[in-house]
């Protein structure tokens, strides 16, 4: 399983340097990396103009979802 993760940067938010937030996970699982990359590209295309209008930038990437194991303790 794969998830889309984003780094979100607010440009010129205040007179401070650019404020960026990393590891914003989109909580939806994709079965393959190819599916994840395809949806990442569609999402980026859909929100591109809105982000430009708001002076916000994002970088999206796909990561393999960490596997967790249930144990009886």
C-alpha atoms as a PDB file:
ATOM      1  CA  UNK A   1       0.000   0.000   0.000  1.00  0.00           C
ATOM      2  CA  UNK A   2       1.087   3.558  -0.763  1.00  0.00           C
ATOM      3  CA  UNK A   3       0.049   7.007   0.488  1.00  0.00           C
ATOM      4  CA  UNK A   4       0.476  10.500  -0.915  1.00  0.00           C
ATOM      5  CA  UNK A   5       2.482  12.776   1.360  1.00  0.00           C
ATOM      6  CA  UNK A   6       2.795  16.549   0.932  1.00  0.00           C
ATOM      7  CA  UNK A   7       5.140  19.306   1.981  1.00  0.00           C
ATOM      8  CA  UNK A   8       3.116  22.525   2.176  1.00  0.00           C
ATOM      9  CA  UNK A   9       4.801  25.945   2.088  1.00  0.00           C
ATOM     10  CA  UNK A  10       3.107  29.288   2.656  1.00  0.00           C
ATOM     11  CA  UNK A  11       4.952  31.989   0.758  1.00  0.00           C
ATOM     12  CA  UNK A  12       4.946  35.531   2.114  1.00  0.00           C
ATOM     13  CA  UNK A  13       2.603  34.550   4.962  1.00  0.00           C
ATOM     14  CA  UNK A  14       4.121  37.202   7.235  1.00  0.00           C
ATOM     15  CA  UNK A  15       7.357  39.120   7.254  1.00  0.00           C
ATOM     16  CA  UNK A  16       8.964  35.894   8.550  1.00  0.00           C
ATOM     17  CA  UNK A  17      10.658  33.440   6.203  1.00  0.00           C
ATOM     18  CA  UNK A  18       8.540  30.970   4.245  1.00  0.00           C
ATOM     19  CA  UNK A  19       6.653  28.605   6.581  1.00  0.00           C
ATOM     20  CA  UNK A  20       6.705  24.947   5.504  1.00  0.00           C
ATOM     21  CA  UNK A  21       5.020  21.909   7.007  1.00  0.00           C
ATOM     22  CA  UNK A  22       6.150  18.436   6.059  1.00  0.00           C
ATOM     23  CA  UNK A  23       4.650  14.960   6.198  1.00  0.00           C
ATOM     24  CA  UNK A  24       1.056  15.940   5.564  1.00  0.00           C
ATOM     25  CA  UNK A  25      -0.357  12.522   4.726  1.00  0.00           C
ATOM     26  CA  UNK A  26      -3.434  12.056   2.578  1.00  0.00           C
ATOM     27  CA  UNK A  27      -5.162   9.232   4.421  1.00  0.00           C
ATOM     28  CA  UNK A  28      -6.098   7.097   1.445  1.00  0.00           C
ATOM     29  CA  UNK A  29      -4.347   3.876   0.523  1.00  0.00           C
ATOM     30  CA  UNK A  30      -3.317   3.064  -3.037  1.00  0.00           C
ATOM     31  CA  UNK A  31      -2.571  -0.581  -3.836  1.00  0.00           C
ATOM     32  CA  UNK A  32       0.436   0.136  -6.066  1.00  0.00           C
ATOM     33  CA  UNK A  33       3.007   2.867  -6.492  1.00  0.00           C
ATOM     34  CA  UNK A  34       1.762   3.425 -10.047  1.00  0.00           C
ATOM     35  CA  UNK A  35      -1.784   4.089  -8.768  1.00  0.00           C
ATOM     36  CA  UNK A  36      -0.422   6.484  -6.179  1.00  0.00           C
ATOM     37  CA  UNK A  37       1.675   8.395  -8.720  1.00  0.00           C
ATOM     38  CA  UNK A  38      -1.254   8.657 -11.122  1.00  0.00           C
ATOM     39  CA  UNK A  39      -3.543  10.121  -8.439  1.00  0.00           C
ATOM     40  CA  UNK A  40      -0.741  12.422  -7.239  1.00  0.00           C
ATOM     41  CA  UNK A  41      -0.436  13.867 -10.733  1.00  0.00           C
ATOM     42  CA  UNK A  42      -4.214  14.325 -11.082  1.00  0.00           C
ATOM     43  CA  UNK A  43      -4.398  16.020  -7.669  1.00  0.00           C
ATOM     44  CA  UNK A  44      -1.519  18.369  -8.494  1.00  0.00           C
ATOM     45  CA  UNK A  45      -3.146  19.375 -11.789  1.00  0.00           C
ATOM     46  CA  UNK A  46      -6.533  19.972 -10.133  1.00  0.00           C
ATOM     47  CA  UNK A  47      -5.290  22.296  -7.370  1.00  0.00           C
ATOM     48  CA  UNK A  48      -2.413  24.033  -9.175  1.00  0.00           C
ATOM     49  CA  UNK A  49      -4.171  27.316  -9.993  1.00  0.00           C
ATOM     50  CA  UNK A  50      -5.824  27.584  -6.566  1.00  0.00           C
ATOM     51  CA  UNK A  51      -2.452  27.189  -4.855  1.00  0.00           C
ATOM     52  CA  UNK A  52      -0.891  29.829  -7.117  1.00  0.00           C
ATOM     53  CA  UNK A  53      -3.754  32.226  -6.342  1.00  0.00           C
ATOM     54  CA  UNK A  54      -3.178  31.725  -2.604  1.00  0.00           C
ATOM     55  CA  UNK A  55       0.624  31.969  -2.832  1.00  0.00           C
ATOM     56  CA  UNK A  56       1.028  28.431  -1.509  1.00  0.00           C
ATOM     57  CA  UNK A  57       3.267  25.719  -2.874  1.00  0.00           C
ATOM     58  CA  UNK A  58       3.119  21.956  -2.320  1.00  0.00           C
ATOM     59  CA  UNK A  59       5.284  19.025  -3.207  1.00  0.00           C
ATOM     60  CA  UNK A  60       3.552  15.652  -3.400  1.00  0.00           C
ATOM     61  CA  UNK A  61       5.286  12.301  -3.280  1.00  0.00           C
ATOM     62  CA  UNK A  62       4.242   8.697  -2.785  1.00  0.00           C
ATOM     63  CA  UNK A  63       5.567   6.594   0.070  1.00  0.00           C
ATOM     64  CA  UNK A  64       5.076   2.998   0.992  1.00  0.00           C
ATOM     65  CA  UNK A  65       2.746   2.743   3.951  1.00  0.00           C
ATOM     66  CA  UNK A  66       4.518   1.347   6.997  1.00  0.00           C
ATOM     67  CA  UNK A  67       3.353  -2.135   7.870  1.00  0.00           C
ATOM     68  CA  UNK A  68       2.195  -2.676  11.425  1.00  0.00           C
ATOM     69  CA  UNK A  69       1.971  -5.990  13.163  1.00  0.00           C
ATOM     70  CA  UNK A  70      -0.561  -6.835  15.843  1.00  0.00           C
ATOM     71  CA  UNK A  71       0.879  -8.610  18.855  1.00  0.00           C
ATOM     72  CA  UNK A  72      -0.802 -10.041  21.892  1.00  0.00           C
ATOM     73  CA  UNK A  73       0.744  -8.473  24.951  1.00  0.00           C
END
